[in-house]
Amino acid sequence: MGALTLDILLGDVHSLKQKRSVVRPLVAELHRRFPGVAVAETGHLDLHRRAEVGIAVVSASAGNCKEVMDACERMVAFRPEIELLSARQRLYNDED
């Protein structure tokens, strides 16, 4: 299992309503492109120009889990309307 946390700076956003109009389609796109992942906005909920998106991946192998997290990160990083400030990945094993 793996977890990916993305810290995102939004472009020309001046309200929480505008923020939702950027974040919701991003979350939906991640769900569409990677149907086996769980995605949610997990932080910076009260800030209109920042968002934190959490992604959880369950896979039989750590390698596949890492590949999916890397692909999710790339998809977000290449979106022109946002800037990816940081991405943190963590792999969990049976002992965690």
PDB file of N, CA and C in Angstrom:
ATOM      1  N   MET A   1       0.840  -1.171   0.000  1.00  0.00           N
ATOM      2  CA  MET A   1       0.000   0.000   0.000  1.00  0.00           C
ATOM      3  C   MET A   1       0.886   1.235   0.000  1.00  0.00           C
ATOM      4  N   GLY A   2       0.409   2.283  -0.633  1.00  0.00           N
ATOM      5  CA  GLY A   2       1.168   3.520  -0.674  1.00  0.00           C
ATOM      6  C   GLY A   2       0.277   4.728  -0.513  1.00  0.00           C
ATOM      7  N   ALA A   3       0.876   5.812  -0.069  1.00  0.00           N
ATOM      8  CA  ALA A   3       0.166   7.081   0.085  1.00  0.00           C
ATOM      9  C   ALA A   3       0.981   8.177  -0.581  1.00  0.00           C
ATOM     10  N   LEU A   4       0.308   9.024  -1.305  1.00  0.00           N
ATOM     11  CA  LEU A   4       0.917  10.158  -1.981  1.00  0.00           C
ATOM     12  C   LEU A   4       0.186  11.407  -1.517  1.00  0.00           C
ATOM     13  N   THR A   5       0.942  12.403  -1.057  1.00  0.00           N
ATOM     14  CA  THR A   5       0.365  13.672  -0.637  1.00  0.00           C
ATOM     15  C   THR A   5       0.940  14.766  -1.529  1.00  0.00           C
ATOM     16  N   LEU A   6       0.060  15.495  -2.183  1.00  0.00           N
ATOM     17  CA  LEU A   6       0.460  16.551  -3.112  1.00  0.00           C
ATOM     18  C   LEU A   6       0.069  17.899  -2.533  1.00  0.00           C
ATOM     19  N   ASP A   7       1.028  18.806  -2.434  1.00  0.00           N
ATOM     20  CA  ASP A   7       0.781  20.178  -1.990  1.00  0.00           C
ATOM     21  C   ASP A   7       0.755  21.035  -3.249  1.00  0.00           C
ATOM     22  N   ILE A   8      -0.366  21.690  -3.481  1.00  0.00           N
ATOM     23  CA  ILE A   8      -0.614  22.364  -4.753  1.00  0.00           C
ATOM     24  C   ILE A   8      -0.883  23.846  -4.528  1.00  0.00           C
ATOM     25  N   LEU A   9      -0.294  24.684  -5.389  1.00  0.00           N
ATOM     26  CA  LEU A   9      -0.599  26.112  -5.435  1.00  0.00           C
ATOM     27  C   LEU A   9      -1.473  26.342  -6.658  1.00  0.00           C
ATOM     28  N   LEU A  10      -2.626  26.942  -6.426  1.00  0.00           N
ATOM     29  CA  LEU A  10      -3.567  27.184  -7.513  1.00  0.00           C
ATOM     30  C   LEU A  10      -3.274  28.533  -8.154  1.00  0.00           C
ATOM     31  N   GLY A  11      -3.570  28.642  -9.422  1.00  0.00           N
ATOM     32  CA  GLY A  11      -3.275  29.858 -10.179  1.00  0.00           C
ATOM     33  C   GLY A  11      -4.181  31.012  -9.809  1.00  0.00           C
ATOM     34  N   ASP A  12      -4.943  31.502 -10.758  1.00  0.00           N
ATOM     35  CA  ASP A  12      -5.776  32.694 -10.613  1.00  0.00           C
ATOM     36  C   ASP A  12      -7.081  32.340  -9.892  1.00  0.00           C
ATOM     37  N   VAL A  13      -6.969  32.083  -8.595  1.00  0.00           N
ATOM     38  CA  VAL A  13      -8.122  31.686  -7.783  1.00  0.00           C
ATOM     39  C   VAL A  13      -8.275  32.700  -6.657  1.00  0.00           C
ATOM     40  N   HIS A  14      -9.495  33.244  -6.506  1.00  0.00           N
ATOM     41  CA  HIS A  14      -9.711  34.310  -5.522  1.00  0.00           C
ATOM     42  C   HIS A  14     -10.787  33.985  -4.500  1.00  0.00           C
ATOM     43  N   SER A  15     -11.323  32.766  -4.528  1.00  0.00           N
ATOM     44  CA  SER A  15     -12.353  32.386  -3.562  1.00  0.00           C
ATOM     45  C   SER A  15     -12.341  30.871  -3.384  1.00  0.00           C
ATOM     46  N   LEU A  16     -12.993  30.423  -2.323  1.00  0.00           N
ATOM     47  CA  LEU A  16     -13.098  28.981  -2.102  1.00  0.00           C
ATOM     48  C   LEU A  16     -13.961  28.326  -3.180  1.00  0.00           C
ATOM     49  N   LYS A  17     -14.934  29.060  -3.710  1.00  0.00           N
ATOM     50  CA  LYS A  17     -15.771  28.536  -4.792  1.00  0.00           C
ATOM     51  C   LYS A  17     -14.930  28.294  -6.048  1.00  0.00           C
ATOM     52  N   GLN A  18     -14.063  29.234  -6.392  1.00  0.00           N
ATOM     53  CA  GLN A  18     -13.169  29.054  -7.534  1.00  0.00           C
ATOM     54  C   GLN A  18     -12.199  27.901  -7.281  1.00  0.00           C
ATOM     55  N   LYS A  19     -11.741  27.788  -6.036  1.00  0.00           N
ATOM     56  CA  LYS A  19     -10.845  26.685  -5.682  1.00  0.00           C
ATOM     57  C   LYS A  19     -11.516  25.344  -5.969  1.00  0.00           C
ATOM     58  N   ARG A  20     -12.776  25.205  -5.533  1.00  0.00           N
ATOM     59  CA  ARG A  20     -13.509  23.960  -5.785  1.00  0.00           C
ATOM     60  C   ARG A  20     -13.620  23.672  -7.273  1.00  0.00           C
ATOM     61  N   SER A  21     -13.753  24.718  -8.087  1.00  0.00           N
ATOM     62  CA  SER A  21     -13.893  24.522  -9.535  1.00  0.00           C
ATOM     63  C   SER A  21     -12.594  24.047 -10.173  1.00  0.00           C
ATOM     64  N   VAL A  22     -11.481  24.141  -9.464  1.00  0.00           N
ATOM     65  CA  VAL A  22     -10.199  23.610  -9.943  1.00  0.00           C
ATOM     66  C   VAL A  22      -9.911  22.244  -9.318  1.00  0.00           C
ATOM     67  N   VAL A  23     -10.145  22.115  -8.024  1.00  0.00           N
ATOM     68  CA  VAL A  23      -9.780  20.900  -7.295  1.00  0.00           C
ATOM     69  C   VAL A  23     -10.707  19.729  -7.637  1.00  0.00           C
ATOM     70  N   ARG A  24     -12.009  19.965  -7.711  1.00  0.00           N
ATOM     71  CA  ARG A  24     -12.945  18.870  -8.015  1.00  0.00           C
ATOM     72  C   ARG A  24     -12.648  18.197  -9.349  1.00  0.00           C
ATOM     73  N   PRO A  25     -12.440  18.948 -10.432  1.00  0.00           N
ATOM     74  CA  PRO A  25     -12.098  18.277 -11.694  1.00  0.00           C
ATOM     75  C   PRO A  25     -10.762  17.522 -11.628  1.00  0.00           C
ATOM     76  N   LEU A  26      -9.822  18.032 -10.852  1.00  0.00           N
ATOM     77  CA  LEU A  26      -8.539  17.350 -10.694  1.00  0.00           C
ATOM     78  C   LEU A  26      -8.741  15.998  -9.999  1.00  0.00           C
ATOM     79  N   VAL A  27      -9.504  15.995  -8.917  1.00  0.00           N
ATOM     80  CA  VAL A  27      -9.797  14.756  -8.189  1.00  0.00           C
ATOM     81  C   VAL A  27     -10.562  13.785  -9.101  1.00  0.00           C
ATOM     82  N   ALA A  28     -11.538  14.293  -9.846  1.00  0.00           N
ATOM     83  CA  ALA A  28     -12.313  13.447 -10.758  1.00  0.00           C
ATOM     84  C   ALA A  28     -11.434  12.851 -11.849  1.00  0.00           C
ATOM     85  N   GLU A  29     -10.520  13.642 -12.377  1.00  0.00           N
ATOM     86  CA  GLU A  29      -9.606  13.153 -13.422  1.00  0.00           C
ATOM     87  C   GLU A  29      -8.703  12.047 -12.886  1.00  0.00           C
ATOM     88  N   LEU A  30      -8.203  12.208 -11.666  1.00  0.00           N
ATOM     89  CA  LEU A  30      -7.388  11.155 -11.059  1.00  0.00           C
ATOM     90  C   LEU A  30      -8.201   9.880 -10.890  1.00  0.00           C
ATOM     91  N   HIS A  31      -9.459   9.995 -10.470  1.00  0.00           N
ATOM     92  CA  HIS A  31     -10.342   8.823 -10.344  1.00  0.00           C
ATOM     93  C   HIS A  31     -10.552   8.146 -11.689  1.00  0.00           C
ATOM     94  N   ARG A  32     -10.768   8.935 -12.739  1.00  0.00           N
ATOM     95  CA  ARG A  32     -11.003   8.373 -14.076  1.00  0.00           C
ATOM     96  C   ARG A  32      -9.767   7.668 -14.627  1.00  0.00           C
ATOM     97  N   ARG A  33      -8.634   8.317 -14.505  1.00  0.00           N
ATOM     98  CA  ARG A  33      -7.404   7.759 -15.094  1.00  0.00           C
ATOM     99  C   ARG A  33      -6.828   6.607 -14.289  1.00  0.00           C
ATOM    100  N   PHE A  34      -7.072   6.612 -12.988  1.00  0.00           N
ATOM    101  CA  PHE A  34      -6.530   5.578 -12.098  1.00  0.00           C
ATOM    102  C   PHE A  34      -7.670   5.050 -11.224  1.00  0.00           C
ATOM    103  N   PRO A  35      -8.508   4.164 -11.773  1.00  0.00           N
ATOM    104  CA  PRO A  35      -9.718   3.745 -11.059  1.00  0.00           C
ATOM    105  C   PRO A  35      -9.455   2.993  -9.758  1.00  0.00           C
ATOM    106  N   GLY A  36      -8.277   2.477  -9.550  1.00  0.00           N
ATOM    107  CA  GLY A  36      -7.993   1.722  -8.334  1.00  0.00           C
ATOM    108  C   GLY A  36      -7.483   2.548  -7.172  1.00  0.00           C
ATOM    109  N   VAL A  37      -7.427   3.872  -7.315  1.00  0.00           N
ATOM    110  CA  VAL A  37      -6.895   4.708  -6.236  1.00  0.00           C
ATOM    111  C   VAL A  37      -8.028   5.427  -5.513  1.00  0.00           C
ATOM    112  N   ALA A  38      -7.768   5.790  -4.273  1.00  0.00           N
ATOM    113  CA  ALA A  38      -8.678   6.653  -3.511  1.00  0.00           C
ATOM    114  C   ALA A  38      -8.065   8.051  -3.495  1.00  0.00           C
ATOM    115  N   VAL A  39      -8.864   9.054  -3.816  1.00  0.00           N
ATOM    116  CA  VAL A  39      -8.369  10.434  -3.929  1.00  0.00           C
ATOM    117  C   VAL A  39      -9.302  11.360  -3.168  1.00  0.00           C
ATOM    118  N   ALA A  40      -8.715  12.321  -2.439  1.00  0.00           N
ATOM    119  CA  ALA A  40      -9.522  13.313  -1.731  1.00  0.00           C
ATOM    120  C   ALA A  40      -8.692  14.555  -1.455  1.00  0.00           C
ATOM    121  N   GLU A  41      -9.379  15.684  -1.330  1.00  0.00           N
ATOM    122  CA  GLU A  41      -8.720  16.898  -0.847  1.00  0.00           C
ATOM    123  C   GLU A  41      -8.560  16.722   0.658  1.00  0.00           C
ATOM    124  N   THR A  42      -7.336  16.788   1.145  1.00  0.00           N
ATOM    125  CA  THR A  42      -7.064  16.426   2.538  1.00  0.00           C
ATOM    126  C   THR A  42      -6.506  17.560   3.390  1.00  0.00           C
ATOM    127  N   GLY A  43      -6.204  18.693   2.800  1.00  0.00           N
ATOM    128  CA  GLY A  43      -5.630  19.768   3.596  1.00  0.00           C
ATOM    129  C   GLY A  43      -5.774  21.123   2.948  1.00  0.00           C
ATOM    130  N   HIS A  44      -5.407  22.156   3.700  1.00  0.00           N
ATOM    131  CA  HIS A  44      -5.512  23.561   3.257  1.00  0.00           C
ATOM    132  C   HIS A  44      -6.950  23.887   2.860  1.00  0.00           C
ATOM    133  N   LEU A  45      -7.914  23.329   3.578  1.00  0.00           N
ATOM    134  CA  LEU A  45      -9.316  23.473   3.202  1.00  0.00           C
ATOM    135  C   LEU A  45      -9.817  24.907   3.315  1.00  0.00           C
ATOM    136  N   ASP A  46      -9.210  25.715   4.181  1.00  0.00           N
ATOM    137  CA  ASP A  46      -9.678  27.091   4.371  1.00  0.00           C
ATOM    138  C   ASP A  46      -8.882  28.113   3.565  1.00  0.00           C
ATOM    139  N   LEU A  47      -7.893  27.673   2.805  1.00  0.00           N
ATOM    140  CA  LEU A  47      -7.087  28.577   1.968  1.00  0.00           C
ATOM    141  C   LEU A  47      -7.567  28.478   0.529  1.00  0.00           C
ATOM    142  N   HIS A  48      -7.730  29.610  -0.132  1.00  0.00           N
ATOM    143  CA  HIS A  48      -8.266  29.557  -1.490  1.00  0.00           C
ATOM    144  C   HIS A  48      -7.209  29.338  -2.570  1.00  0.00           C
ATOM    145  N   ARG A  49      -5.933  29.565  -2.296  1.00  0.00           N
ATOM    146  CA  ARG A  49      -4.915  29.357  -3.341  1.00  0.00           C
ATOM    147  C   ARG A  49      -4.076  28.107  -3.126  1.00  0.00           C
ATOM    148  N   ARG A  50      -4.318  27.378  -2.053  1.00  0.00           N
ATOM    149  CA  ARG A  50      -3.552  26.158  -1.771  1.00  0.00           C
ATOM    150  C   ARG A  50      -4.507  24.989  -1.627  1.00  0.00           C
ATOM    151  N   ALA A  51      -4.007  23.820  -1.991  1.00  0.00           N
ATOM    152  CA  ALA A  51      -4.783  22.594  -1.805  1.00  0.00           C
ATOM    153  C   ALA A  51      -3.814  21.466  -1.504  1.00  0.00           C
ATOM    154  N   GLU A  52      -4.274  20.531  -0.706  1.00  0.00           N
ATOM    155  CA  GLU A  52      -3.526  19.302  -0.468  1.00  0.00           C
ATOM    156  C   GLU A  52      -4.430  18.161  -0.921  1.00  0.00           C
ATOM    157  N   VAL A  53      -3.876  17.313  -1.781  1.00  0.00           N
ATOM    158  CA  VAL A  53      -4.624  16.179  -2.294  1.00  0.00           C
ATOM    159  C   VAL A  53      -3.920  14.915  -1.834  1.00  0.00           C
ATOM    160  N   GLY A  54      -4.693  14.014  -1.243  1.00  0.00           N
ATOM    161  CA  GLY A  54      -4.153  12.738  -0.786  1.00  0.00           C
ATOM    162  C   GLY A  54      -4.615  11.618  -1.698  1.00  0.00           C
ATOM    163  N   ILE A  55      -3.697  10.714  -2.000  1.00  0.00           N
ATOM    164  CA  ILE A  55      -3.987   9.586  -2.883  1.00  0.00           C
ATOM    165  C   ILE A  55      -3.500   8.319  -2.198  1.00  0.00           C
ATOM    166  N   ALA A  56      -4.376   7.313  -2.114  1.00  0.00           N
ATOM    167  CA  ALA A  56      -4.005   6.027  -1.535  1.00  0.00           C
ATOM    168  C   ALA A  56      -4.065   4.961  -2.623  1.00  0.00           C
ATOM    169  N   VAL A  57      -3.048   4.105  -2.637  1.00  0.00           N
ATOM    170  CA  VAL A  57      -2.936   3.049  -3.646  1.00  0.00           C
ATOM    171  C   VAL A  57      -2.734   1.722  -2.930  1.00  0.00           C
ATOM    172  N   VAL A  58      -3.502   0.727  -3.325  1.00  0.00           N
ATOM    173  CA  VAL A  58      -3.320  -0.626  -2.795  1.00  0.00           C
ATOM    174  C   VAL A  58      -2.936  -1.517  -3.963  1.00  0.00           C
ATOM    175  N   SER A  59      -1.839  -2.241  -3.790  1.00  0.00           N
ATOM    176  CA  SER A  59      -1.338  -3.091  -4.868  1.00  0.00           C
ATOM    177  C   SER A  59      -0.628  -4.297  -4.270  1.00  0.00           C
ATOM    178  N   ALA A  60      -0.529  -5.357  -5.064  1.00  0.00           N
ATOM    179  CA  ALA A  60       0.154  -6.564  -4.598  1.00  0.00           C
ATOM    180  C   ALA A  60       1.659  -6.372  -4.511  1.00  0.00           C
ATOM    181  N   SER A  61       2.199  -5.414  -5.276  1.00  0.00           N
ATOM    182  CA  SER A  61       3.652  -5.211  -5.251  1.00  0.00           C
ATOM    183  C   SER A  61       3.992  -3.752  -4.997  1.00  0.00           C
ATOM    184  N   ALA A  62       5.085  -3.541  -4.309  1.00  0.00           N
ATOM    185  CA  ALA A  62       5.552  -2.179  -4.031  1.00  0.00           C
ATOM    186  C   ALA A  62       5.926  -1.472  -5.328  1.00  0.00           C
ATOM    187  N   GLY A  63       6.465  -2.214  -6.288  1.00  0.00           N
ATOM    188  CA  GLY A  63       6.849  -1.614  -7.565  1.00  0.00           C
ATOM    189  C   GLY A  63       5.665  -1.048  -8.316  1.00  0.00           C
ATOM    190  N   ASN A  64       4.576  -1.800  -8.371  1.00  0.00           N
ATOM    191  CA  ASN A  64       3.378  -1.316  -9.055  1.00  0.00           C
ATOM    192  C   ASN A  64       2.777  -0.134  -8.312  1.00  0.00           C
ATOM    193  N   CYS A  65       2.784  -0.196  -7.012  1.00  0.00           N
ATOM    194  CA  CYS A  65       2.268   0.891  -6.187  1.00  0.00           C
ATOM    195  C   CYS A  65       3.042   2.181  -6.487  1.00  0.00           C
ATOM    196  N   LYS A  66       4.352   2.093  -6.547  1.00  0.00           N
ATOM    197  CA  LYS A  66       5.216   3.248  -6.838  1.00  0.00           C
ATOM    198  C   LYS A  66       4.936   3.780  -8.243  1.00  0.00           C
ATOM    199  N   GLU A  67       4.762   2.875  -9.214  1.00  0.00           N
ATOM    200  CA  GLU A  67       4.465   3.303 -10.591  1.00  0.00           C
ATOM    201  C   GLU A  67       3.172   4.112 -10.652  1.00  0.00           C
ATOM    202  N   VAL A  68       2.144   3.649  -9.955  1.00  0.00           N
ATOM    203  CA  VAL A  68       0.860   4.353  -9.964  1.00  0.00           C
ATOM    204  C   VAL A  68       1.006   5.717  -9.289  1.00  0.00           C
ATOM    205  N   MET A  69       1.694   5.772  -8.153  1.00  0.00           N
ATOM    206  CA  MET A  69       1.887   7.057  -7.474  1.00  0.00           C
ATOM    207  C   MET A  69       2.694   8.019  -8.348  1.00  0.00           C
ATOM    208  N   ASP A  70       3.728   7.525  -9.012  1.00  0.00           N
ATOM    209  CA  ASP A  70       4.519   8.375  -9.912  1.00  0.00           C
ATOM    210  C   ASP A  70       3.657   8.908 -11.051  1.00  0.00           C
ATOM    211  N   ALA A  71       2.800   8.060 -11.623  1.00  0.00           N
ATOM    212  CA  ALA A  71       1.932   8.481 -12.727  1.00  0.00           C
ATOM    213  C   ALA A  71       0.931   9.535 -12.252  1.00  0.00           C
ATOM    214  N   CYS A  72       0.382   9.362 -11.053  1.00  0.00           N
ATOM    215  CA  CYS A  72      -0.533  10.369 -10.498  1.00  0.00           C
ATOM    216  C   CYS A  72       0.191  11.701 -10.303  1.00  0.00           C
ATOM    217  N   GLU A  73       1.385  11.632  -9.767  1.00  0.00           N
ATOM    218  CA  GLU A  73       2.166  12.848  -9.544  1.00  0.00           C
ATOM    219  C   GLU A  73       2.469  13.563 -10.861  1.00  0.00           C
ATOM    220  N   ARG A  74       2.854  12.810 -11.877  1.00  0.00           N
ATOM    221  CA  ARG A  74       3.136  13.411 -13.191  1.00  0.00           C
ATOM    222  C   ARG A  74       1.895  14.071 -13.773  1.00  0.00           C
ATOM    223  N   MET A  75       0.751  13.409 -13.655  1.00  0.00           N
ATOM    224  CA  MET A  75      -0.471  13.964 -14.205  1.00  0.00           C
ATOM    225  C   MET A  75      -0.791  15.319 -13.574  1.00  0.00           C
ATOM    226  N   VAL A  76      -0.630  15.410 -12.270  1.00  0.00           N
ATOM    227  CA  VAL A  76      -0.907  16.667 -11.571  1.00  0.00           C
ATOM    228  C   VAL A  76       0.149  17.720 -11.922  1.00  0.00           C
ATOM    229  N   ALA A  77       1.406  17.316 -11.993  1.00  0.00           N
ATOM    230  CA  ALA A  77       2.494  18.258 -12.265  1.00  0.00           C
ATOM    231  C   ALA A  77       2.371  18.910 -13.641  1.00  0.00           C
ATOM    232  N   PHE A  78       1.780  18.211 -14.593  1.00  0.00           N
ATOM    233  CA  PHE A  78       1.681  18.741 -15.954  1.00  0.00           C
ATOM    234  C   PHE A  78       0.427  19.573 -16.199  1.00  0.00           C
ATOM    235  N   ARG A  79      -0.400  19.762 -15.177  1.00  0.00           N
ATOM    236  CA  ARG A  79      -1.593  20.599 -15.349  1.00  0.00           C
ATOM    237  C   ARG A  79      -1.159  22.070 -15.350  1.00  0.00           C
ATOM    238  N   PRO A  80      -1.512  22.820 -16.386  1.00  0.00           N
ATOM    239  CA  PRO A  80      -1.010  24.200 -16.500  1.00  0.00           C
ATOM    240  C   PRO A  80      -1.610  25.170 -15.487  1.00  0.00           C
ATOM    241  N   GLU A  81      -2.800  24.882 -14.954  1.00  0.00           N
ATOM    242  CA  GLU A  81      -3.466  25.843 -14.065  1.00  0.00           C
ATOM    243  C   GLU A  81      -3.017  25.743 -12.616  1.00  0.00           C
ATOM    244  N   ILE A  82      -2.132  24.791 -12.319  1.00  0.00           N
ATOM    245  CA  ILE A  82      -1.662  24.619 -10.948  1.00  0.00           C
ATOM    246  C   ILE A  82      -0.149  24.455 -10.921  1.00  0.00           C
ATOM    247  N   GLU A  83       0.416  24.677  -9.737  1.00  0.00           N
ATOM    248  CA  GLU A  83       1.846  24.447  -9.524  1.00  0.00           C
ATOM    249  C   GLU A  83       1.990  23.430  -8.396  1.00  0.00           C
ATOM    250  N   LEU A  84       2.689  22.353  -8.683  1.00  0.00           N
ATOM    251  CA  LEU A  84       2.923  21.322  -7.672  1.00  0.00           C
ATOM    252  C   LEU A  84       4.097  21.763  -6.818  1.00  0.00           C
ATOM    253  N   LEU A  85       3.815  22.097  -5.549  1.00  0.00           N
ATOM    254  CA  LEU A  85       4.862  22.583  -4.648  1.00  0.00           C
ATOM    255  C   LEU A  85       5.677  21.437  -4.064  1.00  0.00           C
ATOM    256  N   SER A  86       5.003  20.353  -3.692  1.00  0.00           N
ATOM    257  CA  SER A  86       5.725  19.202  -3.150  1.00  0.00           C
ATOM    258  C   SER A  86       4.878  17.947  -3.309  1.00  0.00           C
ATOM    259  N   ALA A  87       5.571  16.830  -3.341  1.00  0.00           N
ATOM    260  CA  ALA A  87       4.919  15.523  -3.408  1.00  0.00           C
ATOM    261  C   ALA A  87       5.652  14.598  -2.440  1.00  0.00           C
ATOM    262  N   ARG A  88       4.894  13.988  -1.550  1.00  0.00           N
ATOM    263  CA  ARG A  88       5.483  13.058  -0.582  1.00  0.00           C
ATOM    264  C   ARG A  88       4.869  11.685  -0.779  1.00  0.00           C
ATOM    265  N   GLN A  89       5.739  10.707  -1.014  1.00  0.00           N
ATOM    266  CA  GLN A  89       5.283   9.334  -1.181  1.00  0.00           C
ATOM    267  C   GLN A  89       5.707   8.510   0.019  1.00  0.00           C
ATOM    268  N   ARG A  90       4.831   7.562   0.390  1.00  0.00           N
ATOM    269  CA  ARG A  90       5.187   6.641   1.460  1.00  0.00           C
ATOM    270  C   ARG A  90       4.631   5.272   1.108  1.00  0.00           C
ATOM    271  N   LEU A  91       5.498   4.267   1.198  1.00  0.00           N
ATOM    272  CA  LEU A  91       5.087   2.885   0.995  1.00  0.00           C
ATOM    273  C   LEU A  91       4.929   2.228   2.368  1.00  0.00           C
ATOM    274  N   TYR A  92       3.882   1.451   2.521  1.00  0.00           N
ATOM    275  CA  TYR A  92       3.609   0.736   3.767  1.00  0.00           C
ATOM    276  C   TYR A  92       3.793  -0.753   3.517  1.00  0.00           C
ATOM    277  N   ASN A  93       4.278  -1.443   4.555  1.00  0.00           N
ATOM    278  CA  ASN A  93       4.388  -2.890   4.438  1.00  0.00           C
ATOM    279  C   ASN A  93       3.513  -3.541   5.499  1.00  0.00           C
ATOM    280  N   ASP A  94       3.598  -4.851   5.631  1.00  0.00           N
ATOM    281  CA  ASP A  94       2.728  -5.584   6.561  1.00  0.00           C
ATOM    282  C   ASP A  94       2.930  -5.173   8.016  1.00  0.00           C
ATOM    283  N   GLU A  95       4.099  -4.677   8.370  1.00  0.00           N
ATOM    284  CA  GLU A  95       4.386  -4.316   9.755  1.00  0.00           C
ATOM    285  C   GLU A  95       3.849  -2.942  10.141  1.00  0.00           C
ATOM    286  N   ASP A  96       3.520  -2.099   9.161  1.00  0.00           N
ATOM    287  CA  ASP A  96       3.063  -0.723   9.457  1.00  0.00           C
ATOM    288  C   ASP A  96       1.632  -0.690   9.931  1.00  0.00           C
TER     289      ASP A  96
END
